[in-house]
C-alpha atoms as a PDB file:
ATOM      1  CA  MET A   1       0.000   0.000   0.000  1.00  0.00           C
ATOM      2  CA  ARG A   2       1.286   3.461  -0.872  1.00  0.00           C
ATOM      3  CA  PHE A   3       0.152   6.721   0.696  1.00  0.00           C
ATOM      4  CA  ILE A   4       0.256  10.412  -0.100  1.00  0.00           C
ATOM      5  CA  ASP A   5       1.027  12.761   2.772  1.00  0.00           C
ATOM      6  CA  GLU A   6      -0.438  16.126   1.821  1.00  0.00           C
ATOM      7  CA  ILE A   7       0.947  19.005   3.858  1.00  0.00           C
ATOM      8  CA  GLY A   8      -1.010  22.224   3.369  1.00  0.00           C
ATOM      9  CA  PHE A   9       0.246  25.640   4.343  1.00  0.00           C
ATOM     10  CA  SER A  10       0.067  29.328   3.537  1.00  0.00           C
ATOM     11  CA  LEU A  11       2.732  31.977   3.330  1.00  0.00           C
ATOM     12  CA  LYS A  12       2.695  35.429   4.823  1.00  0.00           C
ATOM     13  CA  PRO A  13       1.395  37.907   2.254  1.00  0.00           C
ATOM     14  CA  GLY A  14       4.193  39.217   0.075  1.00  0.00           C
ATOM     15  CA  GLN A  15       6.500  36.225   0.693  1.00  0.00           C
ATOM     16  CA  GLU A  16       5.445  34.123  -2.286  1.00  0.00           C
ATOM     17  CA  GLN A  17       8.224  35.200  -4.644  1.00  0.00           C
ATOM     18  CA  ALA A  18      10.959  34.790  -2.018  1.00  0.00           C
ATOM     19  CA  PHE A  19       9.624  31.322  -1.156  1.00  0.00           C
ATOM     20  CA  GLN A  20       9.588  30.288  -4.805  1.00  0.00           C
ATOM     21  CA  GLN A  21      13.206  31.427  -5.180  1.00  0.00           C
ATOM     22  CA  TRP A  22      14.178  29.524  -2.025  1.00  0.00           C
ATOM     23  CA  LEU A  23      12.374  26.424  -3.262  1.00  0.00           C
ATOM     24  CA  VAL A  24      14.172  26.486  -6.622  1.00  0.00           C
ATOM     25  CA  LYS A  25      17.539  26.654  -4.815  1.00  0.00           C
ATOM     26  CA  ASN A  26      16.734  24.089  -2.110  1.00  0.00           C
ATOM     27  CA  GLU A  27      14.275  21.571  -3.518  1.00  0.00           C
ATOM     28  CA  ASP A  28      16.915  18.909  -4.259  1.00  0.00           C
ATOM     29  CA  ALA A  29      18.289  19.080  -0.710  1.00  0.00           C
ATOM     30  CA  LEU A  30      14.767  19.066   0.673  1.00  0.00           C
ATOM     31  CA  ALA A  31      13.951  15.893  -1.270  1.00  0.00           C
ATOM     32  CA  LYS A  32      17.092  14.167   0.042  1.00  0.00           C
ATOM     33  CA  ALA A  33      16.195  15.030   3.649  1.00  0.00           C
ATOM     34  CA  TYR A  34      13.074  12.859   3.736  1.00  0.00           C
ATOM     35  CA  PRO A  35      13.388   9.519   5.570  1.00  0.00           C
ATOM     36  CA  LYS A  36      13.896   6.174   3.833  1.00  0.00           C
ATOM     37  CA  GLY A  37      10.604   4.819   2.511  1.00  0.00           C
ATOM     38  CA  SER A  38       9.256   8.259   1.723  1.00  0.00           C
ATOM     39  CA  LYS A  39       9.711  10.345  -1.384  1.00  0.00           C
ATOM     40  CA  TYR A  40       9.262  14.085  -1.768  1.00  0.00           C
ATOM     41  CA  LEU A  41       7.053  14.626  -4.819  1.00  0.00           C
ATOM     42  CA  GLY A  42       7.087  18.398  -4.840  1.00  0.00           C
ATOM     43  CA  THR A  43       5.625  21.595  -3.485  1.00  0.00           C
ATOM     44  CA  PHE A  44       2.772  23.118  -5.429  1.00  0.00           C
ATOM     45  CA  VAL A  45       0.585  26.209  -5.460  1.00  0.00           C
ATOM     46  CA  VAL A  46      -3.092  25.313  -5.243  1.00  0.00           C
ATOM     47  CA  ILE A  47      -5.102  26.641  -8.179  1.00  0.00           C
ATOM     48  CA  TYR A  48      -8.560  25.237  -7.404  1.00  0.00           C
ATOM     49  CA  ASN A  49      -9.426  24.334  -3.855  1.00  0.00           C
ATOM     50  CA  ALA A  50     -12.604  23.347  -2.049  1.00  0.00           C
ATOM     51  CA  GLU A  51     -10.795  23.153   1.299  1.00  0.00           C
ATOM     52  CA  LYS A  52     -10.107  26.701   2.452  1.00  0.00           C
ATOM     53  CA  ALA A  53      -8.406  25.694   5.717  1.00  0.00           C
ATOM     54  CA  GLY A  54      -5.701  23.704   3.917  1.00  0.00           C
ATOM     55  CA  GLY A  55      -3.712  26.714   2.778  1.00  0.00           C
ATOM     56  CA  ASP A  56      -2.626  27.919  -0.640  1.00  0.00           C
ATOM     57  CA  TRP A  57       0.365  25.590  -0.980  1.00  0.00           C
ATOM     58  CA  ARG A  58       0.774  21.810  -0.778  1.00  0.00           C
ATOM     59  CA  THR A  59       3.803  19.618  -0.315  1.00  0.00           C
ATOM     60  CA  LEU A  60       3.195  16.043  -1.422  1.00  0.00           C
ATOM     61  CA  VAL A  61       5.198  13.124  -0.043  1.00  0.00           C
ATOM     62  CA  GLU A  62       4.788   9.500  -1.109  1.00  0.00           C
ATOM     63  CA  VAL A  63       5.066   7.001   1.744  1.00  0.00           C
ATOM     64  CA  ASP A  64       5.650   3.446   0.572  1.00  0.00           C
ATOM     65  CA  SER A  65       4.001   1.350   3.279  1.00  0.00           C
ATOM     66  CA  TYR A  66       2.350   1.066   6.654  1.00  0.00           C
ATOM     67  CA  GLY A  67       5.762  -0.075   7.894  1.00  0.00           C
ATOM     68  CA  THR A  68       7.340   3.201   6.863  1.00  0.00           C
ATOM     69  CA  LEU A  69       4.585   5.085   8.652  1.00  0.00           C
ATOM     70  CA  ASP A  70       5.317   3.027  11.780  1.00  0.00           C
ATOM     71  CA  THR A  71       9.082   3.547  11.476  1.00  0.00           C
ATOM     72  CA  VAL A  72       8.698   7.280  11.016  1.00  0.00           C
ATOM     73  CA  ALA A  73       6.354   7.520  14.014  1.00  0.00           C
ATOM     74  CA  ALA A  74       8.547   5.320  16.252  1.00  0.00           C
ATOM     75  CA  GLY A  75      11.695   7.266  15.392  1.00  0.00           C
ATOM     76  CA  GLY A  76      10.109  10.618  16.015  1.00  0.00           C
ATOM     77  CA  GLN A  77      10.969  11.525  12.441  1.00  0.00           C
ATOM     78  CA  SER A  78       8.737  13.503  10.167  1.00  0.00           C
ATOM     79  CA  THR A  79       7.753  13.073   6.557  1.00  0.00           C
ATOM     80  CA  GLY A  80       7.454  16.835   6.540  1.00  0.00           C
ATOM     81  CA  ARG A  81       4.339  17.258   8.660  1.00  0.00           C
ATOM     82  CA  GLU A  82       5.013  18.918  11.977  1.00  0.00           C
END
């Protein structure tokens, strides 16, 4: 079984361009920082959204199994969600 961890967030007004520049520079390192059994799929701006509380941005992380979820939880690690 594979899972998608969807992490929603918003930025402070006026910080969008700076965040995009940071993301371009740091996305490879960010992807490498995720624990074994998970894979950073990307960070995206939401265009259409029915869930207003989820924020304007989403980071998507693939988690490969229930076992990985257990390992991440037991180790106190994060797949990106804090």
